[in-house]
């Protein structure tokens, strides 16, 4: 299984089709509703993680372009930023 947004979308639409199956009895429908809830929650977490990765990449690109980055990212440039430690620059400890 590929881990792409296209695959996630395919899984969500497949789940939607299962929820719309008129042959489901009450017990099966309740099971599908529970499954859909779990899938929806997991999908939101995957999307949030992807959004965070994009936001971090944008913040890093802004920092490299000379824009000050948020101090919480440890990129420097914020009002309360401290100078980078030598091991952060050279990769050593």
PDB file of N, CA and C in Angstrom:
ATOM      1  N   UNK A   1       0.844  -1.178   0.000  1.00  0.00           N
ATOM      2  CA  UNK A   1       0.000   0.000   0.000  1.00  0.00           C
ATOM      3  C   UNK A   1       0.884   1.234   0.000  1.00  0.00           C
ATOM      4  N   UNK A   2       0.653   2.128  -0.934  1.00  0.00           N
ATOM      5  CA  UNK A   2       1.403   3.375  -1.007  1.00  0.00           C
ATOM      6  C   UNK A   2       0.827   4.358   0.012  1.00  0.00           C
ATOM      7  N   UNK A   3       1.692   5.123   0.617  1.00  0.00           N
ATOM      8  CA  UNK A   3       1.267   6.118   1.598  1.00  0.00           C
ATOM      9  C   UNK A   3       1.217   7.487   0.938  1.00  0.00           C
ATOM     10  N   UNK A   4       0.146   7.730   0.176  1.00  0.00           N
ATOM     11  CA  UNK A   4      -0.023   8.993  -0.520  1.00  0.00           C
ATOM     12  C   UNK A   4      -1.396   9.561  -0.191  1.00  0.00           C
ATOM     13  N   UNK A   5      -1.566  10.855  -0.461  1.00  0.00           N
ATOM     14  CA  UNK A   5      -2.884  11.458  -0.255  1.00  0.00           C
ATOM     15  C   UNK A   5      -3.908  10.876  -1.220  1.00  0.00           C
ATOM     16  N   UNK A   6      -3.462  10.455  -2.391  1.00  0.00           N
ATOM     17  CA  UNK A   6      -4.369   9.807  -3.348  1.00  0.00           C
ATOM     18  C   UNK A   6      -4.901   8.489  -2.776  1.00  0.00           C
ATOM     19  N   UNK A   7      -4.029   7.710  -2.151  1.00  0.00           N
ATOM     20  CA  UNK A   7      -4.452   6.451  -1.541  1.00  0.00           C
ATOM     21  C   UNK A   7      -5.404   6.707  -0.382  1.00  0.00           C
ATOM     22  N   UNK A   8      -5.085   7.716   0.431  1.00  0.00           N
ATOM     23  CA  UNK A   8      -5.965   8.079   1.537  1.00  0.00           C
ATOM     24  C   UNK A   8      -7.350   8.442   1.009  1.00  0.00           C
ATOM     25  N   UNK A   9      -7.405   9.242  -0.034  1.00  0.00           N
ATOM     26  CA  UNK A   9      -8.678   9.636  -0.632  1.00  0.00           C
ATOM     27  C   UNK A   9      -9.434   8.413  -1.145  1.00  0.00           C
ATOM     28  N   UNK A  10      -8.731   7.499  -1.790  1.00  0.00           N
ATOM     29  CA  UNK A  10      -9.369   6.269  -2.279  1.00  0.00           C
ATOM     30  C   UNK A  10      -9.992   5.479  -1.126  1.00  0.00           C
ATOM     31  N   UNK A  11      -9.265   5.354  -0.022  1.00  0.00           N
ATOM     32  CA  UNK A  11      -9.782   4.617   1.141  1.00  0.00           C
ATOM     33  C   UNK A  11     -11.021   5.308   1.715  1.00  0.00           C
ATOM     34  N   UNK A  12     -10.991   6.620   1.773  1.00  0.00           N
ATOM     35  CA  UNK A  12     -12.138   7.347   2.323  1.00  0.00           C
ATOM     36  C   UNK A  12     -13.373   7.202   1.433  1.00  0.00           C
ATOM     37  N   UNK A  13     -13.185   7.260   0.122  1.00  0.00           N
ATOM     38  CA  UNK A  13     -14.327   7.067  -0.774  1.00  0.00           C
ATOM     39  C   UNK A  13     -14.832   5.624  -0.744  1.00  0.00           C
ATOM     40  N   UNK A  14     -13.949   4.671  -0.576  1.00  0.00           N
ATOM     41  CA  UNK A  14     -14.372   3.276  -0.437  1.00  0.00           C
ATOM     42  C   UNK A  14     -15.208   3.102   0.824  1.00  0.00           C
ATOM     43  N   UNK A  15     -14.782   3.752   1.912  1.00  0.00           N
ATOM     44  CA  UNK A  15     -15.541   3.689   3.158  1.00  0.00           C
ATOM     45  C   UNK A  15     -16.913   4.344   2.975  1.00  0.00           C
ATOM     46  N   UNK A  16     -16.957   5.448   2.254  1.00  0.00           N
ATOM     47  CA  UNK A  16     -18.226   6.115   1.988  1.00  0.00           C
ATOM     48  C   UNK A  16     -19.170   5.188   1.225  1.00  0.00           C
ATOM     49  N   UNK A  17     -18.637   4.451   0.266  1.00  0.00           N
ATOM     50  CA  UNK A  17     -19.456   3.498  -0.496  1.00  0.00           C
ATOM     51  C   UNK A  17     -19.991   2.392   0.423  1.00  0.00           C
ATOM     52  N   UNK A  18     -19.146   1.919   1.355  1.00  0.00           N
ATOM     53  CA  UNK A  18     -19.621   0.890   2.289  1.00  0.00           C
ATOM     54  C   UNK A  18     -20.744   1.434   3.175  1.00  0.00           C
ATOM     55  N   UNK A  19     -20.637   2.673   3.599  1.00  0.00           N
ATOM     56  CA  UNK A  19     -21.689   3.274   4.421  1.00  0.00           C
ATOM     57  C   UNK A  19     -22.997   3.419   3.653  1.00  0.00           C
ATOM     58  N   UNK A  20     -22.907   3.555   2.364  1.00  0.00           N
ATOM     59  CA  UNK A  20     -24.083   3.768   1.521  1.00  0.00           C
ATOM     60  C   UNK A  20     -24.687   2.456   1.018  1.00  0.00           C
ATOM     61  N   UNK A  21     -24.177   1.320   1.451  1.00  0.00           N
ATOM     62  CA  UNK A  21     -24.664   0.014   0.994  1.00  0.00           C
ATOM     63  C   UNK A  21     -26.051  -0.256   1.591  1.00  0.00           C
ATOM     64  N   UNK A  22     -27.090  -0.338   0.758  1.00  0.00           N
ATOM     65  CA  UNK A  22     -28.443  -0.548   1.275  1.00  0.00           C
ATOM     66  C   UNK A  22     -28.665  -1.950   1.847  1.00  0.00           C
ATOM     67  N   UNK A  23     -27.756  -2.868   1.594  1.00  0.00           N
ATOM     68  CA  UNK A  23     -27.926  -4.236   2.082  1.00  0.00           C
ATOM     69  C   UNK A  23     -27.394  -4.430   3.503  1.00  0.00           C
ATOM     70  N   UNK A  24     -26.811  -3.395   4.095  1.00  0.00           N
ATOM     71  CA  UNK A  24     -26.284  -3.528   5.459  1.00  0.00           C
ATOM     72  C   UNK A  24     -27.442  -3.607   6.455  1.00  0.00           C
ATOM     73  N   UNK A  25     -27.364  -4.595   7.358  1.00  0.00           N
ATOM     74  CA  UNK A  25     -28.337  -4.622   8.444  1.00  0.00           C
ATOM     75  C   UNK A  25     -27.869  -3.643   9.528  1.00  0.00           C
ATOM     76  N   UNK A  26     -28.668  -3.491  10.564  1.00  0.00           N
ATOM     77  CA  UNK A  26     -28.347  -2.504  11.599  1.00  0.00           C
ATOM     78  C   UNK A  26     -26.988  -2.745  12.240  1.00  0.00           C
ATOM     79  N   UNK A  27     -26.672  -3.993  12.553  1.00  0.00           N
ATOM     80  CA  UNK A  27     -25.402  -4.299  13.212  1.00  0.00           C
ATOM     81  C   UNK A  27     -24.220  -3.983  12.298  1.00  0.00           C
ATOM     82  N   UNK A  28     -24.340  -4.365  11.031  1.00  0.00           N
ATOM     83  CA  UNK A  28     -23.262  -4.102  10.073  1.00  0.00           C
ATOM     84  C   UNK A  28     -23.117  -2.604   9.828  1.00  0.00           C
ATOM     85  N   UNK A  29     -24.254  -1.884   9.774  1.00  0.00           N
ATOM     86  CA  UNK A  29     -24.194  -0.439   9.577  1.00  0.00           C
ATOM     87  C   UNK A  29     -23.498   0.234  10.763  1.00  0.00           C
ATOM     88  N   UNK A  30     -23.821  -0.181  11.974  1.00  0.00           N
ATOM     89  CA  UNK A  30     -23.164   0.382  13.160  1.00  0.00           C
ATOM     90  C   UNK A  30     -21.663   0.084  13.152  1.00  0.00           C
ATOM     91  N   UNK A  31     -21.285  -1.104  12.707  1.00  0.00           N
ATOM     92  CA  UNK A  31     -19.860  -1.445  12.608  1.00  0.00           C
ATOM     93  C   UNK A  31     -19.162  -0.551  11.579  1.00  0.00           C
ATOM     94  N   UNK A  32     -19.829  -0.323  10.446  1.00  0.00           N
ATOM     95  CA  UNK A  32     -19.239   0.544   9.412  1.00  0.00           C
ATOM     96  C   UNK A  32     -19.152   1.992   9.883  1.00  0.00           C
ATOM     97  N   UNK A  33     -20.139   2.439  10.650  1.00  0.00           N
ATOM     98  CA  UNK A  33     -20.095   3.799  11.194  1.00  0.00           C
ATOM     99  C   UNK A  33     -18.917   3.940  12.151  1.00  0.00           C
ATOM    100  N   UNK A  34     -18.689   2.943  12.978  1.00  0.00           N
ATOM    101  CA  UNK A  34     -17.544   2.980  13.899  1.00  0.00           C
ATOM    102  C   UNK A  34     -16.233   2.968  13.112  1.00  0.00           C
ATOM    103  N   UNK A  35     -16.169   2.129  12.089  1.00  0.00           N
ATOM    104  CA  UNK A  35     -14.968   2.066  11.260  1.00  0.00           C
ATOM    105  C   UNK A  35     -14.731   3.405  10.566  1.00  0.00           C
ATOM    106  N   UNK A  36     -15.796   4.009  10.052  1.00  0.00           N
ATOM    107  CA  UNK A  36     -15.681   5.305   9.371  1.00  0.00           C
ATOM    108  C   UNK A  36     -15.178   6.378  10.336  1.00  0.00           C
ATOM    109  N   UNK A  37     -15.643   6.332  11.570  1.00  0.00           N
ATOM    110  CA  UNK A  37     -15.166   7.290  12.568  1.00  0.00           C
ATOM    111  C   UNK A  37     -13.683   7.136  12.828  1.00  0.00           C
ATOM    112  N   UNK A  38     -13.235   5.903  12.965  1.00  0.00           N
ATOM    113  CA  UNK A  38     -11.811   5.645  13.192  1.00  0.00           C
ATOM    114  C   UNK A  38     -10.988   6.056  11.979  1.00  0.00           C
ATOM    115  N   UNK A  39     -11.495   5.767  10.784  1.00  0.00           N
ATOM    116  CA  UNK A  39     -10.774   6.153   9.571  1.00  0.00           C
ATOM    117  C   UNK A  39     -10.713   7.668   9.438  1.00  0.00           C
ATOM    118  N   UNK A  40     -11.809   8.340   9.757  1.00  0.00           N
ATOM    119  CA  UNK A  40     -11.832   9.798   9.685  1.00  0.00           C
ATOM    120  C   UNK A  40     -10.838  10.418  10.651  1.00  0.00           C
ATOM    121  N   UNK A  41     -10.794   9.884  11.863  1.00  0.00           N
ATOM    122  CA  UNK A  41      -9.839  10.391  12.859  1.00  0.00           C
ATOM    123  C   UNK A  41      -8.403  10.188  12.372  1.00  0.00           C
ATOM    124  N   UNK A  42      -8.113   9.004  11.889  1.00  0.00           N
ATOM    125  CA  UNK A  42      -6.762   8.707  11.394  1.00  0.00           C
ATOM    126  C   UNK A  42      -6.412   9.586  10.195  1.00  0.00           C
ATOM    127  N   UNK A  43      -7.368   9.793   9.304  1.00  0.00           N
ATOM    128  CA  UNK A  43      -7.138  10.644   8.130  1.00  0.00           C
ATOM    129  C   UNK A  43      -6.816  12.071   8.559  1.00  0.00           C
ATOM    130  N   UNK A  44      -7.540  12.586   9.554  1.00  0.00           N
ATOM    131  CA  UNK A  44      -7.257  13.944  10.048  1.00  0.00           C
ATOM    132  C   UNK A  44      -5.852  14.037  10.627  1.00  0.00           C
ATOM    133  N   UNK A  45      -5.406  13.003  11.324  1.00  0.00           N
ATOM    134  CA  UNK A  45      -4.053  13.001  11.890  1.00  0.00           C
ATOM    135  C   UNK A  45      -2.994  12.964  10.781  1.00  0.00           C
ATOM    136  N   UNK A  46      -3.245  12.172   9.743  1.00  0.00           N
ATOM    137  CA  UNK A  46      -2.300  12.089   8.615  1.00  0.00           C
ATOM    138  C   UNK A  46      -2.212  13.442   7.914  1.00  0.00           C
ATOM    139  N   UNK A  47      -3.358  14.065   7.695  1.00  0.00           N
ATOM    140  CA  UNK A  47      -3.383  15.373   7.033  1.00  0.00           C
ATOM    141  C   UNK A  47      -2.698  16.420   7.899  1.00  0.00           C
ATOM    142  N   UNK A  48      -2.935  16.390   9.204  1.00  0.00           N
ATOM    143  CA  UNK A  48      -2.294  17.351  10.107  1.00  0.00           C
ATOM    144  C   UNK A  48      -0.779  17.176  10.107  1.00  0.00           C
ATOM    145  N   UNK A  49      -0.319  15.935  10.076  1.00  0.00           N
ATOM    146  CA  UNK A  49       1.132  15.686  10.037  1.00  0.00           C
ATOM    147  C   UNK A  49       1.725  16.201   8.732  1.00  0.00           C
ATOM    148  N   UNK A  50       1.018  16.006   7.631  1.00  0.00           N
ATOM    149  CA  UNK A  50       1.480  16.520   6.343  1.00  0.00           C
ATOM    150  C   UNK A  50       1.510  18.038   6.330  1.00  0.00           C
ATOM    151  N   UNK A  51       0.473  18.653   6.909  1.00  0.00           N
ATOM    152  CA  UNK A  51       0.419  20.114   6.981  1.00  0.00           C
ATOM    153  C   UNK A  51       1.582  20.647   7.818  1.00  0.00           C
ATOM    154  N   UNK A  52       1.876  19.976   8.923  1.00  0.00           N
ATOM    155  CA  UNK A  52       2.997  20.387   9.769  1.00  0.00           C
ATOM    156  C   UNK A  52       4.312  20.297   9.007  1.00  0.00           C
ATOM    157  N   UNK A  53       4.494  19.242   8.230  1.00  0.00           N
ATOM    158  CA  UNK A  53       5.723  19.091   7.450  1.00  0.00           C
ATOM    159  C   UNK A  53       5.856  20.207   6.415  1.00  0.00           C
ATOM    160  N   UNK A  54       4.745  20.556   5.774  1.00  0.00           N
ATOM    161  CA  UNK A  54       4.776  21.643   4.788  1.00  0.00           C
ATOM    162  C   UNK A  54       5.075  22.974   5.480  1.00  0.00           C
ATOM    163  N   UNK A  55       4.413  23.219   6.596  1.00  0.00           N
ATOM    164  CA  UNK A  55       4.652  24.471   7.333  1.00  0.00           C
ATOM    165  C   UNK A  55       6.097  24.572   7.805  1.00  0.00           C
ATOM    166  N   UNK A  56       6.656  23.459   8.267  1.00  0.00           N
ATOM    167  CA  UNK A  56       8.055  23.466   8.705  1.00  0.00           C
ATOM    168  C   UNK A  56       8.992  23.736   7.535  1.00  0.00           C
ATOM    169  N   UNK A  57       8.691  23.149   6.382  1.00  0.00           N
ATOM    170  CA  UNK A  57       9.518  23.391   5.195  1.00  0.00           C
ATOM    171  C   UNK A  57       9.436  24.857   4.776  1.00  0.00           C
ATOM    172  N   UNK A  58       8.234  25.445   4.843  1.00  0.00           N
ATOM    173  CA  UNK A  58       8.087  26.858   4.515  1.00  0.00           C
ATOM    174  C   UNK A  58       8.856  27.727   5.505  1.00  0.00           C
ATOM    175  N   UNK A  59       8.766  27.400   6.790  1.00  0.00           N
ATOM    176  CA  UNK A  59       9.484  28.174   7.804  1.00  0.00           C
ATOM    177  C   UNK A  59      10.987  28.068   7.581  1.00  0.00           C
ATOM    178  N   UNK A  60      11.442  26.890   7.251  1.00  0.00           N
ATOM    179  CA  UNK A  60      12.870  26.692   6.987  1.00  0.00           C
ATOM    180  C   UNK A  60      13.302  27.494   5.755  1.00  0.00           C
ATOM    181  N   UNK A  61      12.483  27.477   4.705  1.00  0.00           N
ATOM    182  CA  UNK A  61      12.799  28.236   3.490  1.00  0.00           C
ATOM    183  C   UNK A  61      12.821  29.733   3.784  1.00  0.00           C
ATOM    184  N   UNK A  62      11.876  30.216   4.595  1.00  0.00           N
ATOM    185  CA  UNK A  62      11.865  31.630   4.979  1.00  0.00           C
ATOM    186  C   UNK A  62      13.122  31.983   5.757  1.00  0.00           C
ATOM    187  N   UNK A  63      13.532  31.084   6.655  1.00  0.00           N
ATOM    188  CA  UNK A  63      14.733  31.324   7.453  1.00  0.00           C
ATOM    189  C   UNK A  63      15.961  31.402   6.549  1.00  0.00           C
ATOM    190  N   UNK A  64      16.038  30.503   5.607  1.00  0.00           N
ATOM    191  CA  UNK A  64      17.186  30.508   4.701  1.00  0.00           C
ATOM    192  C   UNK A  64      17.173  31.727   3.780  1.00  0.00           C
ATOM    193  N   UNK A  65      15.989  32.292   3.540  1.00  0.00           N
ATOM    194  CA  UNK A  65      15.876  33.476   2.696  1.00  0.00           C
ATOM    195  C   UNK A  65      16.128  34.757   3.486  1.00  0.00           C
ATOM    196  N   UNK A  66      16.526  34.615   4.741  1.00  0.00           N
ATOM    197  CA  UNK A  66      16.838  35.784   5.553  1.00  0.00           C
ATOM    198  C   UNK A  66      15.706  36.242   6.444  1.00  0.00           C
ATOM    199  N   UNK A  67      14.541  35.592   6.353  1.00  0.00           N
ATOM    200  CA  UNK A  67      13.437  35.961   7.219  1.00  0.00           C
ATOM    201  C   UNK A  67      13.653  35.315   8.582  1.00  0.00           C
ATOM    202  N   UNK A  68      13.356  36.030   9.652  1.00  0.00           N
ATOM    203  CA  UNK A  68      13.500  35.397  10.972  1.00  0.00           C
ATOM    204  C   UNK A  68      12.450  34.315  11.157  1.00  0.00           C
ATOM    205  N   UNK A  69      12.878  33.193  11.675  1.00  0.00           N
ATOM    206  CA  UNK A  69      11.953  32.098  11.916  1.00  0.00           C
ATOM    207  C   UNK A  69      11.409  32.153  13.325  1.00  0.00           C
ATOM    208  N   UNK A  70      10.294  31.474  13.592  1.00  0.00           N
ATOM    209  CA  UNK A  70       9.760  31.428  14.951  1.00  0.00           C
ATOM    210  C   UNK A  70      10.780  30.785  15.889  1.00  0.00           C
ATOM    211  N   UNK A  71      10.947  31.371  17.061  1.00  0.00           N
ATOM    212  CA  UNK A  71      11.965  30.859  17.976  1.00  0.00           C
ATOM    213  C   UNK A  71      11.685  29.435  18.429  1.00  0.00           C
ATOM    214  N   UNK A  72      10.424  29.024  18.406  1.00  0.00           N
ATOM    215  CA  UNK A  72      10.078  27.678  18.845  1.00  0.00           C
ATOM    216  C   UNK A  72      10.695  26.609  17.938  1.00  0.00           C
ATOM    217  N   UNK A  73      11.003  26.992  16.692  1.00  0.00           N
ATOM    218  CA  UNK A  73      11.614  26.034  15.767  1.00  0.00           C
ATOM    219  C   UNK A  73      13.108  25.884  15.987  1.00  0.00           C
ATOM    220  N   UNK A  74      13.696  26.774  16.797  1.00  0.00           N
ATOM    221  CA  UNK A  74      15.129  26.689  17.050  1.00  0.00           C
ATOM    222  C   UNK A  74      15.973  27.059  15.850  1.00  0.00           C
ATOM    223  N   UNK A  75      15.413  27.845  14.944  1.00  0.00           N
ATOM    224  CA  UNK A  75      16.137  28.237  13.746  1.00  0.00           C
ATOM    225  C   UNK A  75      16.926  29.528  13.946  1.00  0.00           C
ATOM    226  N   UNK A  76      16.702  30.182  15.060  1.00  0.00           N
ATOM    227  CA  UNK A  76      17.346  31.470  15.302  1.00  0.00           C
ATOM    228  C   UNK A  76      16.526  32.583  14.706  1.00  0.00           C
ATOM    229  N   UNK A  77      16.877  33.798  15.058  1.00  0.00           N
ATOM    230  CA  UNK A  77      16.216  34.953  14.480  1.00  0.00           C
ATOM    231  C   UNK A  77      15.050  35.471  15.284  1.00  0.00           C
ATOM    232  N   UNK A  78      14.489  34.703  16.201  1.00  0.00           N
ATOM    233  CA  UNK A  78      13.405  35.191  17.028  1.00  0.00           C
ATOM    234  C   UNK A  78      13.930  36.101  18.116  1.00  0.00           C
ATOM    235  N   UNK A  79      13.048  36.836  18.756  1.00  0.00           N
ATOM    236  CA  UNK A  79      13.461  37.793  19.781  1.00  0.00           C
ATOM    237  C   UNK A  79      14.176  37.118  20.945  1.00  0.00           C
ATOM    238  N   UNK A  80      13.755  35.907  21.264  1.00  0.00           N
ATOM    239  CA  UNK A  80      14.371  35.216  22.391  1.00  0.00           C
ATOM    240  C   UNK A  80      15.324  34.110  21.935  1.00  0.00           C
ATOM    241  N   UNK A  81      15.770  34.201  20.691  1.00  0.00           N
ATOM    242  CA  UNK A  81      16.639  33.153  20.140  1.00  0.00           C
ATOM    243  C   UNK A  81      18.041  33.281  20.713  1.00  0.00           C
ATOM    244  N   UNK A  82      18.634  32.152  20.989  1.00  0.00           N
ATOM    245  CA  UNK A  82      20.028  32.141  21.423  1.00  0.00           C
ATOM    246  C   UNK A  82      20.874  31.696  20.242  1.00  0.00           C
ATOM    247  N   UNK A  83      22.150  32.026  20.253  1.00  0.00           N
ATOM    248  CA  UNK A  83      22.993  31.615  19.132  1.00  0.00           C
ATOM    249  C   UNK A  83      23.044  30.096  19.026  1.00  0.00           C
ATOM    250  N   UNK A  84      23.156  29.567  17.815  1.00  0.00           N
ATOM    251  CA  UNK A  84      23.216  28.113  17.659  1.00  0.00           C
ATOM    252  C   UNK A  84      24.439  27.540  18.356  1.00  0.00           C
ATOM    253  N   UNK A  85      24.250  26.383  18.923  1.00  0.00           N
ATOM    254  CA  UNK A  85      25.372  25.702  19.574  1.00  0.00           C
ATOM    255  C   UNK A  85      26.269  25.081  18.511  1.00  0.00           C
ATOM    256  N   UNK A  86      27.567  24.966  18.765  1.00  0.00           N
ATOM    257  CA  UNK A  86      28.477  24.449  17.739  1.00  0.00           C
ATOM    258  C   UNK A  86      28.085  23.094  17.171  1.00  0.00           C
ATOM    259  N   UNK A  87      27.586  22.180  18.028  1.00  0.00           N
ATOM    260  CA  UNK A  87      27.241  20.855  17.503  1.00  0.00           C
ATOM    261  C   UNK A  87      26.048  20.916  16.556  1.00  0.00           C
ATOM    262  N   UNK A  88      25.205  21.962  16.660  1.00  0.00           N
ATOM    263  CA  UNK A  88      24.073  22.104  15.756  1.00  0.00           C
ATOM    264  C   UNK A  88      24.550  22.516  14.373  1.00  0.00           C
ATOM    265  N   UNK A  89      25.662  23.206  14.317  1.00  0.00           N
ATOM    266  CA  UNK A  89      26.169  23.681  13.045  1.00  0.00           C
ATOM    267  C   UNK A  89      26.992  22.595  12.357  1.00  0.00           C
ATOM    268  N   UNK A  90      27.877  21.959  13.104  1.00  0.00           N
ATOM    269  CA  UNK A  90      28.800  21.005  12.497  1.00  0.00           C
ATOM    270  C   UNK A  90      28.251  19.599  12.450  1.00  0.00           C
ATOM    271  N   UNK A  91      27.194  19.330  13.205  1.00  0.00           N
ATOM    272  CA  UNK A  91      26.635  17.989  13.227  1.00  0.00           C
ATOM    273  C   UNK A  91      27.327  17.095  14.256  1.00  0.00           C
ATOM    274  N   UNK A  92      28.377  17.563  14.903  1.00  0.00           N
ATOM    275  CA  UNK A  92      29.076  16.793  15.917  1.00  0.00           C
ATOM    276  C   UNK A  92      28.477  16.989  17.280  1.00  0.00           C
ATOM    277  N   UNK A  93      29.004  16.313  18.265  1.00  0.00           N
ATOM    278  CA  UNK A  93      28.498  16.457  19.639  1.00  0.00           C
ATOM    279  C   UNK A  93      29.538  16.994  20.547  1.00  0.00           C
TER     280      UNK A  93
END
